[in-house]
């Protein structure tokens, strides 16, 4: 497997106080099955879609209890060097690089506007085994209260170039990898529609084969619909919170509507 480009979304996991409840919910909504719990690594449990590893769930460590949230990990060839750039550019390191057996090295950080993310330097665990299909990771957006800070930070820490959507009513940026040009991540300005107590965060999108049916499954099982379903050029999507409060989005990428928006280079 070719090593992913620096800054590529490579993995996602979430802490849940009710681990079995989370497994039931995501198993029903996204069709996930779950591997054996690894007691050696804090009961970390991988989720699978059609036999491919797509995410993981884990109970909180003592003292880390709180509202559940999905964490997106960005690829690094040298976690210590990435953490150094995070500090140099105004980010906060929440967890220093830590070796996780032979699986790889992880770190956790907060960008200057407040969104938390992970860094992963792969070992035997190279990240997602499937993406951009039903049941798997498809995309992620940084919802930022201070987008200027977020944009400057991300393009300094990772080899991204930014492109802004050419729409005066929407402040949305797409980050592309400078080397391959692939779209990597989105950034959306948080508006007054977001309650003031909601901090900047990264929203993870998981694929489904029918957005409306996935929303029904989620709400029938205690999830909360936050926005949508809505047709876009990227697919039909809906924003949800699971019963333990973790925000995520479901998207049917096969059902798109309208022309792709024009993007203008920023950096």
C-alpha atoms as a PDB file:
ATOM      1  CA  UNK A   1       0.000   0.000   0.000  1.00  0.00           C
ATOM      2  CA  UNK A   2       1.390   3.409  -0.994  1.00  0.00           C
ATOM      3  CA  UNK A   3       1.826   5.747   1.965  1.00  0.00           C
ATOM      4  CA  UNK A   4      -0.882   8.436   1.982  1.00  0.00           C
ATOM      5  CA  UNK A   5       0.115  12.012   1.283  1.00  0.00           C
ATOM      6  CA  UNK A   6       0.863  14.160   4.327  1.00  0.00           C
ATOM      7  CA  UNK A   7      -2.336  15.579   5.818  1.00  0.00           C
ATOM      8  CA  UNK A   8      -4.678  13.069   4.170  1.00  0.00           C
ATOM      9  CA  UNK A   9      -7.577  11.964   6.406  1.00  0.00           C
ATOM     10  CA  UNK A  10      -6.503   8.470   7.371  1.00  0.00           C
ATOM     11  CA  UNK A  11      -8.662   7.270  10.292  1.00  0.00           C
ATOM     12  CA  UNK A  12     -11.605   8.161  12.538  1.00  0.00           C
ATOM     13  CA  UNK A  13     -12.601   6.994  15.982  1.00  0.00           C
ATOM     14  CA  UNK A  14     -14.823   8.094  18.857  1.00  0.00           C
ATOM     15  CA  UNK A  15     -15.073   7.568  22.609  1.00  0.00           C
ATOM     16  CA  UNK A  16     -18.439   6.384  23.914  1.00  0.00           C
ATOM     17  CA  UNK A  17     -19.509   6.000  27.530  1.00  0.00           C
ATOM     18  CA  UNK A  18     -21.971   3.346  26.369  1.00  0.00           C
ATOM     19  CA  UNK A  19     -19.820   1.345  23.982  1.00  0.00           C
ATOM     20  CA  UNK A  20     -22.373  -1.402  23.314  1.00  0.00           C
ATOM     21  CA  UNK A  21     -25.036   1.221  22.621  1.00  0.00           C
ATOM     22  CA  UNK A  22     -22.751   2.905  20.088  1.00  0.00           C
ATOM     23  CA  UNK A  23     -22.053  -0.420  18.389  1.00  0.00           C
ATOM     24  CA  UNK A  24     -25.768  -1.156  18.100  1.00  0.00           C
ATOM     25  CA  UNK A  25     -26.545   2.327  16.757  1.00  0.00           C
ATOM     26  CA  UNK A  26     -23.833   2.455  14.086  1.00  0.00           C
ATOM     27  CA  UNK A  27     -24.344  -1.193  13.243  1.00  0.00           C
ATOM     28  CA  UNK A  28     -27.993  -0.450  12.475  1.00  0.00           C
ATOM     29  CA  UNK A  29     -27.464   2.937  10.773  1.00  0.00           C
ATOM     30  CA  UNK A  30     -24.278   2.281   8.764  1.00  0.00           C
ATOM     31  CA  UNK A  31     -24.257  -1.504   8.612  1.00  0.00           C
ATOM     32  CA  UNK A  32     -21.053  -1.833  10.595  1.00  0.00           C
ATOM     33  CA  UNK A  33     -19.822  -5.009  12.199  1.00  0.00           C
ATOM     34  CA  UNK A  34     -17.224  -4.969  14.957  1.00  0.00           C
ATOM     35  CA  UNK A  35     -14.025  -6.836  15.642  1.00  0.00           C
ATOM     36  CA  UNK A  36     -12.777  -8.174  18.929  1.00  0.00           C
ATOM     37  CA  UNK A  37     -12.256  -5.657  21.705  1.00  0.00           C
ATOM     38  CA  UNK A  38      -8.584  -5.070  22.448  1.00  0.00           C
ATOM     39  CA  UNK A  39      -8.283  -4.902  26.234  1.00  0.00           C
ATOM     40  CA  UNK A  40      -4.545  -4.234  25.873  1.00  0.00           C
ATOM     41  CA  UNK A  41      -5.411  -0.913  24.190  1.00  0.00           C
ATOM     42  CA  UNK A  42      -8.255   0.315  26.378  1.00  0.00           C
ATOM     43  CA  UNK A  43     -10.989  -1.842  24.776  1.00  0.00           C
ATOM     44  CA  UNK A  44     -10.390  -0.237  21.382  1.00  0.00           C
ATOM     45  CA  UNK A  45     -12.767  -1.877  18.893  1.00  0.00           C
ATOM     46  CA  UNK A  46     -12.537  -1.595  15.123  1.00  0.00           C
ATOM     47  CA  UNK A  47     -15.632  -1.218  12.943  1.00  0.00           C
ATOM     48  CA  UNK A  48     -15.893  -2.943   9.563  1.00  0.00           C
ATOM     49  CA  UNK A  49     -17.959  -2.426   6.427  1.00  0.00           C
ATOM     50  CA  UNK A  50     -18.019  -5.424   4.082  1.00  0.00           C
ATOM     51  CA  UNK A  51     -15.006  -6.770   5.920  1.00  0.00           C
ATOM     52  CA  UNK A  52     -12.941  -3.573   5.547  1.00  0.00           C
ATOM     53  CA  UNK A  53     -11.803  -1.526   8.570  1.00  0.00           C
ATOM     54  CA  UNK A  54     -13.512   1.880   8.418  1.00  0.00           C
ATOM     55  CA  UNK A  55     -13.459   3.356  11.966  1.00  0.00           C
ATOM     56  CA  UNK A  56     -13.188   2.455  15.637  1.00  0.00           C
ATOM     57  CA  UNK A  57     -15.009   2.981  18.916  1.00  0.00           C
ATOM     58  CA  UNK A  58     -13.546   2.988  22.409  1.00  0.00           C
ATOM     59  CA  UNK A  59     -14.734   3.720  25.969  1.00  0.00           C
ATOM     60  CA  UNK A  60     -13.323   6.882  27.572  1.00  0.00           C
ATOM     61  CA  UNK A  61     -10.283   6.658  29.769  1.00  0.00           C
ATOM     62  CA  UNK A  62     -10.839   7.519  33.449  1.00  0.00           C
ATOM     63  CA  UNK A  63     -11.074  11.286  33.764  1.00  0.00           C
ATOM     64  CA  UNK A  64     -11.902  11.789  30.085  1.00  0.00           C
ATOM     65  CA  UNK A  65     -15.629  11.220  30.361  1.00  0.00           C
ATOM     66  CA  UNK A  66     -17.747  13.775  28.505  1.00  0.00           C
ATOM     67  CA  UNK A  67     -19.811  14.213  25.387  1.00  0.00           C
ATOM     68  CA  UNK A  68     -18.855  11.795  22.650  1.00  0.00           C
ATOM     69  CA  UNK A  69     -17.290  13.160  19.470  1.00  0.00           C
ATOM     70  CA  UNK A  70     -15.720  11.750  16.340  1.00  0.00           C
ATOM     71  CA  UNK A  71     -11.999  12.432  15.930  1.00  0.00           C
ATOM     72  CA  UNK A  72     -10.430  12.601  12.476  1.00  0.00           C
ATOM     73  CA  UNK A  73      -6.756  11.644  12.118  1.00  0.00           C
ATOM     74  CA  UNK A  74      -4.520  13.208   9.471  1.00  0.00           C
ATOM     75  CA  UNK A  75      -1.605  11.287   7.989  1.00  0.00           C
ATOM     76  CA  UNK A  76       1.951  12.124   8.963  1.00  0.00           C
ATOM     77  CA  UNK A  77       5.259  10.612   7.905  1.00  0.00           C
ATOM     78  CA  UNK A  78       6.827  11.985  11.104  1.00  0.00           C
ATOM     79  CA  UNK A  79       4.423  12.649  13.979  1.00  0.00           C
ATOM     80  CA  UNK A  80       7.058  14.490  16.044  1.00  0.00           C
ATOM     81  CA  UNK A  81       7.791  16.889  13.179  1.00  0.00           C
ATOM     82  CA  UNK A  82       4.069  17.476  12.597  1.00  0.00           C
ATOM     83  CA  UNK A  83       3.581  18.244  16.294  1.00  0.00           C
ATOM     84  CA  UNK A  84       6.452  20.710  16.074  1.00  0.00           C
ATOM     85  CA  UNK A  85       4.730  22.564  13.222  1.00  0.00           C
ATOM     86  CA  UNK A  86       1.457  22.509  15.160  1.00  0.00           C
ATOM     87  CA  UNK A  87       3.119  24.328  18.058  1.00  0.00           C
ATOM     88  CA  UNK A  88       4.982  26.758  15.794  1.00  0.00           C
ATOM     89  CA  UNK A  89       1.721  27.814  14.149  1.00  0.00           C
ATOM     90  CA  UNK A  90      -0.397  28.442  17.217  1.00  0.00           C
ATOM     91  CA  UNK A  91      -1.947  25.022  17.758  1.00  0.00           C
ATOM     92  CA  UNK A  92      -2.231  23.252  21.094  1.00  0.00           C
ATOM     93  CA  UNK A  93      -0.841  19.753  21.561  1.00  0.00           C
ATOM     94  CA  UNK A  94      -3.267  17.727  23.683  1.00  0.00           C
ATOM     95  CA  UNK A  95      -1.336  14.460  23.505  1.00  0.00           C
ATOM     96  CA  UNK A  96       2.329  14.152  22.615  1.00  0.00           C
ATOM     97  CA  UNK A  97       3.262  11.565  19.983  1.00  0.00           C
ATOM     98  CA  UNK A  98       2.655   8.150  21.514  1.00  0.00           C
ATOM     99  CA  UNK A  99       3.658   4.811  20.043  1.00  0.00           C
ATOM    100  CA  UNK A 100       0.757   2.342  19.913  1.00  0.00           C
ATOM    101  CA  UNK A 101       2.526  -1.006  19.719  1.00  0.00           C
ATOM    102  CA  UNK A 102       3.428  -1.829  16.128  1.00  0.00           C
ATOM    103  CA  UNK A 103       0.247  -0.156  14.855  1.00  0.00           C
ATOM    104  CA  UNK A 104       1.713   3.333  14.583  1.00  0.00           C
ATOM    105  CA  UNK A 105       2.211   6.625  16.420  1.00  0.00           C
ATOM    106  CA  UNK A 106      -0.599   8.992  17.361  1.00  0.00           C
ATOM    107  CA  UNK A 107      -0.922  12.531  18.676  1.00  0.00           C
ATOM    108  CA  UNK A 108      -3.885  14.781  19.428  1.00  0.00           C
ATOM    109  CA  UNK A 109      -4.047  18.535  18.857  1.00  0.00           C
ATOM    110  CA  UNK A 110      -6.351  21.536  18.759  1.00  0.00           C
ATOM    111  CA  UNK A 111      -6.095  24.088  15.950  1.00  0.00           C
ATOM    112  CA  UNK A 112      -6.213  27.804  16.906  1.00  0.00           C
ATOM    113  CA  UNK A 113      -9.986  28.142  16.337  1.00  0.00           C
ATOM    114  CA  UNK A 114     -10.681  25.194  18.652  1.00  0.00           C
ATOM    115  CA  UNK A 115     -11.269  22.105  16.485  1.00  0.00           C
ATOM    116  CA  UNK A 116      -9.622  18.933  17.810  1.00  0.00           C
ATOM    117  CA  UNK A 117      -7.954  16.475  15.430  1.00  0.00           C
ATOM    118  CA  UNK A 118      -5.539  13.592  15.496  1.00  0.00           C
ATOM    119  CA  UNK A 119      -2.228  12.874  13.800  1.00  0.00           C
ATOM    120  CA  UNK A 120      -1.396   9.314  12.749  1.00  0.00           C
ATOM    121  CA  UNK A 121       1.954   7.967  11.578  1.00  0.00           C
ATOM    122  CA  UNK A 122       1.073   4.532  10.329  1.00  0.00           C
ATOM    123  CA  UNK A 123       2.838   1.302  11.172  1.00  0.00           C
ATOM    124  CA  UNK A 124       1.054  -1.993  10.658  1.00  0.00           C
ATOM    125  CA  UNK A 125      -2.236  -0.067  10.896  1.00  0.00           C
ATOM    126  CA  UNK A 126      -2.220   2.041   7.743  1.00  0.00           C
ATOM    127  CA  UNK A 127      -5.672   3.597   8.200  1.00  0.00           C
ATOM    128  CA  UNK A 128      -8.951   3.228   6.358  1.00  0.00           C
ATOM    129  CA  UNK A 129      -9.198   0.027   4.328  1.00  0.00           C
ATOM    130  CA  UNK A 130     -12.105   1.497   2.339  1.00  0.00           C
ATOM    131  CA  UNK A 131     -13.345   5.034   1.651  1.00  0.00           C
ATOM    132  CA  UNK A 132     -15.887   6.874  -0.508  1.00  0.00           C
ATOM    133  CA  UNK A 133     -18.503   4.133  -0.459  1.00  0.00           C
ATOM    134  CA  UNK A 134     -21.548   3.196   1.672  1.00  0.00           C
ATOM    135  CA  UNK A 135     -20.514   2.373   5.222  1.00  0.00           C
ATOM    136  CA  UNK A 136     -17.129   4.090   4.921  1.00  0.00           C
ATOM    137  CA  UNK A 137     -15.562   7.509   5.453  1.00  0.00           C
ATOM    138  CA  UNK A 138     -16.259   9.877   2.551  1.00  0.00           C
ATOM    139  CA  UNK A 139     -15.293  13.418   3.549  1.00  0.00           C
ATOM    140  CA  UNK A 140     -14.819  15.804   6.472  1.00  0.00           C
ATOM    141  CA  UNK A 141     -15.299  19.533   7.077  1.00  0.00           C
ATOM    142  CA  UNK A 142     -13.802  21.771   9.727  1.00  0.00           C
ATOM    143  CA  UNK A 143     -16.626  23.928  11.081  1.00  0.00           C
ATOM    144  CA  UNK A 144     -14.725  26.959  12.351  1.00  0.00           C
ATOM    145  CA  UNK A 145     -15.712  30.034  14.361  1.00  0.00           C
ATOM    146  CA  UNK A 146     -12.483  31.739  13.283  1.00  0.00           C
ATOM    147  CA  UNK A 147     -11.890  30.507   9.734  1.00  0.00           C
ATOM    148  CA  UNK A 148      -8.994  32.853   9.004  1.00  0.00           C
ATOM    149  CA  UNK A 149      -7.027  31.247  11.842  1.00  0.00           C
ATOM    150  CA  UNK A 150      -8.017  27.749  10.726  1.00  0.00           C
ATOM    151  CA  UNK A 151      -7.003  28.364   7.113  1.00  0.00           C
ATOM    152  CA  UNK A 152      -3.624  29.864   7.997  1.00  0.00           C
ATOM    153  CA  UNK A 153      -2.876  27.044  10.439  1.00  0.00           C
ATOM    154  CA  UNK A 154      -3.786  24.131   8.179  1.00  0.00           C
ATOM    155  CA  UNK A 155      -1.882  25.433   5.165  1.00  0.00           C
ATOM    156  CA  UNK A 156       1.196  25.994   7.353  1.00  0.00           C
ATOM    157  CA  UNK A 157       1.159  22.622   9.105  1.00  0.00           C
ATOM    158  CA  UNK A 158       0.193  20.440   6.132  1.00  0.00           C
ATOM    159  CA  UNK A 159       1.057  20.659   2.408  1.00  0.00           C
ATOM    160  CA  UNK A 160      -2.347  22.068   1.500  1.00  0.00           C
ATOM    161  CA  UNK A 161      -3.382  24.740  -0.959  1.00  0.00           C
ATOM    162  CA  UNK A 162      -6.720  26.425  -0.313  1.00  0.00           C
ATOM    163  CA  UNK A 163      -9.498  27.089  -2.802  1.00  0.00           C
ATOM    164  CA  UNK A 164     -12.485  29.224  -1.858  1.00  0.00           C
ATOM    165  CA  UNK A 165     -15.977  28.616  -3.163  1.00  0.00           C
ATOM    166  CA  UNK A 166     -16.913  31.447  -5.530  1.00  0.00           C
ATOM    167  CA  UNK A 167     -20.128  32.296  -3.684  1.00  0.00           C
ATOM    168  CA  UNK A 168     -20.378  35.522  -1.681  1.00  0.00           C
ATOM    169  CA  UNK A 169     -23.080  34.007   0.560  1.00  0.00           C
ATOM    170  CA  UNK A 170     -21.091  30.941   1.655  1.00  0.00           C
ATOM    171  CA  UNK A 171     -17.655  30.991   3.288  1.00  0.00           C
ATOM    172  CA  UNK A 172     -16.416  27.532   2.307  1.00  0.00           C
ATOM    173  CA  UNK A 173     -12.862  26.464   1.502  1.00  0.00           C
ATOM    174  CA  UNK A 174     -11.544  23.228   0.034  1.00  0.00           C
ATOM    175  CA  UNK A 175      -8.008  22.147   0.879  1.00  0.00           C
ATOM    176  CA  UNK A 176      -6.095  20.215  -1.775  1.00  0.00           C
ATOM    177  CA  UNK A 177      -2.828  18.368  -1.430  1.00  0.00           C
ATOM    178  CA  UNK A 178      -0.128  20.465  -3.093  1.00  0.00           C
ATOM    179  CA  UNK A 179       1.591  17.447  -4.634  1.00  0.00           C
ATOM    180  CA  UNK A 180      -1.204  15.344  -6.101  1.00  0.00           C
ATOM    181  CA  UNK A 181      -3.907  18.003  -6.151  1.00  0.00           C
ATOM    182  CA  UNK A 182      -6.449  15.713  -4.495  1.00  0.00           C
ATOM    183  CA  UNK A 183      -9.223  17.281  -2.427  1.00  0.00           C
ATOM    184  CA  UNK A 184      -8.440  16.527   1.202  1.00  0.00           C
ATOM    185  CA  UNK A 185     -10.684  18.489   3.562  1.00  0.00           C
ATOM    186  CA  UNK A 186     -13.309  21.228   3.676  1.00  0.00           C
ATOM    187  CA  UNK A 187     -13.696  24.254   5.950  1.00  0.00           C
ATOM    188  CA  UNK A 188     -17.003  25.981   6.665  1.00  0.00           C
ATOM    189  CA  UNK A 189     -17.499  29.205   8.637  1.00  0.00           C
ATOM    190  CA  UNK A 190     -19.869  28.652  11.583  1.00  0.00           C
ATOM    191  CA  UNK A 191     -22.787  31.065  11.421  1.00  0.00           C
ATOM    192  CA  UNK A 192     -25.345  32.199  13.986  1.00  0.00           C
ATOM    193  CA  UNK A 193     -27.301  29.034  13.169  1.00  0.00           C
ATOM    194  CA  UNK A 194     -24.919  27.191  15.498  1.00  0.00           C
ATOM    195  CA  UNK A 195     -25.663  27.526  19.231  1.00  0.00           C
ATOM    196  CA  UNK A 196     -22.972  29.699  20.880  1.00  0.00           C
ATOM    197  CA  UNK A 197     -21.898  26.874  23.177  1.00  0.00           C
ATOM    198  CA  UNK A 198     -20.882  24.663  20.220  1.00  0.00           C
ATOM    199  CA  UNK A 199     -17.119  25.045  19.638  1.00  0.00           C
ATOM    200  CA  UNK A 200     -15.298  24.645  16.343  1.00  0.00           C
ATOM    201  CA  UNK A 201     -15.171  20.975  15.370  1.00  0.00           C
ATOM    202  CA  UNK A 202     -14.479  18.549  12.529  1.00  0.00           C
ATOM    203  CA  UNK A 203     -17.549  16.867  11.092  1.00  0.00           C
ATOM    204  CA  UNK A 204     -17.052  13.409   9.585  1.00  0.00           C
ATOM    205  CA  UNK A 205     -19.183  12.207   6.648  1.00  0.00           C
ATOM    206  CA  UNK A 206     -20.003   8.508   6.272  1.00  0.00           C
ATOM    207  CA  UNK A 207     -21.405   7.063   3.072  1.00  0.00           C
ATOM    208  CA  UNK A 208     -24.833   5.461   2.789  1.00  0.00           C
ATOM    209  CA  UNK A 209     -26.747   4.034  -0.159  1.00  0.00           C
ATOM    210  CA  UNK A 210     -29.964   5.901   0.760  1.00  0.00           C
ATOM    211  CA  UNK A 211     -29.717   9.114   2.810  1.00  0.00           C
ATOM    212  CA  UNK A 212     -33.398   9.293   3.746  1.00  0.00           C
ATOM    213  CA  UNK A 213     -33.504   5.667   4.886  1.00  0.00           C
ATOM    214  CA  UNK A 214     -30.341   6.191   6.955  1.00  0.00           C
ATOM    215  CA  UNK A 215     -31.921   9.237   8.633  1.00  0.00           C
ATOM    216  CA  UNK A 216     -35.004   7.182   9.501  1.00  0.00           C
ATOM    217  CA  UNK A 217     -32.869   4.421  10.982  1.00  0.00           C
ATOM    218  CA  UNK A 218     -30.865   6.945  13.007  1.00  0.00           C
ATOM    219  CA  UNK A 219     -33.854   8.854  14.402  1.00  0.00           C
ATOM    220  CA  UNK A 220     -35.759   5.629  15.130  1.00  0.00           C
ATOM    221  CA  UNK A 221     -32.791   4.586  17.276  1.00  0.00           C
ATOM    222  CA  UNK A 222     -32.465   7.821  19.262  1.00  0.00           C
ATOM    223  CA  UNK A 223     -30.371   9.958  16.917  1.00  0.00           C
ATOM    224  CA  UNK A 224     -31.254  13.609  16.290  1.00  0.00           C
ATOM    225  CA  UNK A 225     -31.590  15.135  12.816  1.00  0.00           C
ATOM    226  CA  UNK A 226     -29.751  18.486  12.768  1.00  0.00           C
ATOM    227  CA  UNK A 227     -30.018  19.430   9.100  1.00  0.00           C
ATOM    228  CA  UNK A 228     -31.319  17.962   5.853  1.00  0.00           C
ATOM    229  CA  UNK A 229     -31.675  15.714   4.005  1.00  0.00           C
ATOM    230  CA  UNK A 230     -30.516  18.020   1.231  1.00  0.00           C
ATOM    231  CA  UNK A 231     -29.419  17.504  -2.376  1.00  0.00           C
ATOM    232  CA  UNK A 232     -26.096  19.043  -3.393  1.00  0.00           C
ATOM    233  CA  UNK A 233     -23.576  18.609  -6.229  1.00  0.00           C
ATOM    234  CA  UNK A 234     -21.568  16.393  -3.838  1.00  0.00           C
ATOM    235  CA  UNK A 235     -24.486  14.100  -2.958  1.00  0.00           C
ATOM    236  CA  UNK A 236     -27.612  13.963  -0.810  1.00  0.00           C
ATOM    237  CA  UNK A 237     -26.657  14.440   2.829  1.00  0.00           C
ATOM    238  CA  UNK A 238     -28.044  14.959   6.322  1.00  0.00           C
ATOM    239  CA  UNK A 239     -26.358  16.091   9.552  1.00  0.00           C
ATOM    240  CA  UNK A 240     -27.124  14.046  12.670  1.00  0.00           C
ATOM    241  CA  UNK A 241     -26.155  13.512  16.275  1.00  0.00           C
ATOM    242  CA  UNK A 242     -26.078   9.999  17.680  1.00  0.00           C
ATOM    243  CA  UNK A 243     -27.802   9.171  21.015  1.00  0.00           C
ATOM    244  CA  UNK A 244     -24.590   9.980  22.923  1.00  0.00           C
ATOM    245  CA  UNK A 245     -24.179  13.386  21.264  1.00  0.00           C
ATOM    246  CA  UNK A 246     -21.517  12.690  18.627  1.00  0.00           C
ATOM    247  CA  UNK A 247     -22.119  14.709  15.446  1.00  0.00           C
ATOM    248  CA  UNK A 248     -21.720  13.066  12.044  1.00  0.00           C
ATOM    249  CA  UNK A 249     -23.127  13.280   8.538  1.00  0.00           C
ATOM    250  CA  UNK A 250     -24.522  10.632   6.223  1.00  0.00           C
ATOM    251  CA  UNK A 251     -24.141  11.146   2.475  1.00  0.00           C
ATOM    252  CA  UNK A 252     -25.340   9.306  -0.605  1.00  0.00           C
ATOM    253  CA  UNK A 253     -22.640  10.310  -3.070  1.00  0.00           C
ATOM    254  CA  UNK A 254     -24.431   8.597  -5.965  1.00  0.00           C
ATOM    255  CA  UNK A 255     -27.334  11.030  -5.744  1.00  0.00           C
ATOM    256  CA  UNK A 256     -26.073  14.485  -6.681  1.00  0.00           C
ATOM    257  CA  UNK A 257     -27.887  17.523  -8.005  1.00  0.00           C
ATOM    258  CA  UNK A 258     -26.662  20.711  -9.700  1.00  0.00           C
ATOM    259  CA  UNK A 259     -23.296  21.750 -11.136  1.00  0.00           C
ATOM    260  CA  UNK A 260     -20.134  21.514  -9.085  1.00  0.00           C
ATOM    261  CA  UNK A 261     -19.323  24.906  -7.530  1.00  0.00           C
ATOM    262  CA  UNK A 262     -16.503  26.996  -8.937  1.00  0.00           C
ATOM    263  CA  UNK A 263     -13.422  27.156  -6.724  1.00  0.00           C
ATOM    264  CA  UNK A 264     -10.910  30.002  -6.731  1.00  0.00           C
ATOM    265  CA  UNK A 265      -7.304  29.609  -5.548  1.00  0.00           C
ATOM    266  CA  UNK A 266      -6.498  31.322  -2.246  1.00  0.00           C
ATOM    267  CA  UNK A 267      -3.014  29.971  -1.480  1.00  0.00           C
END
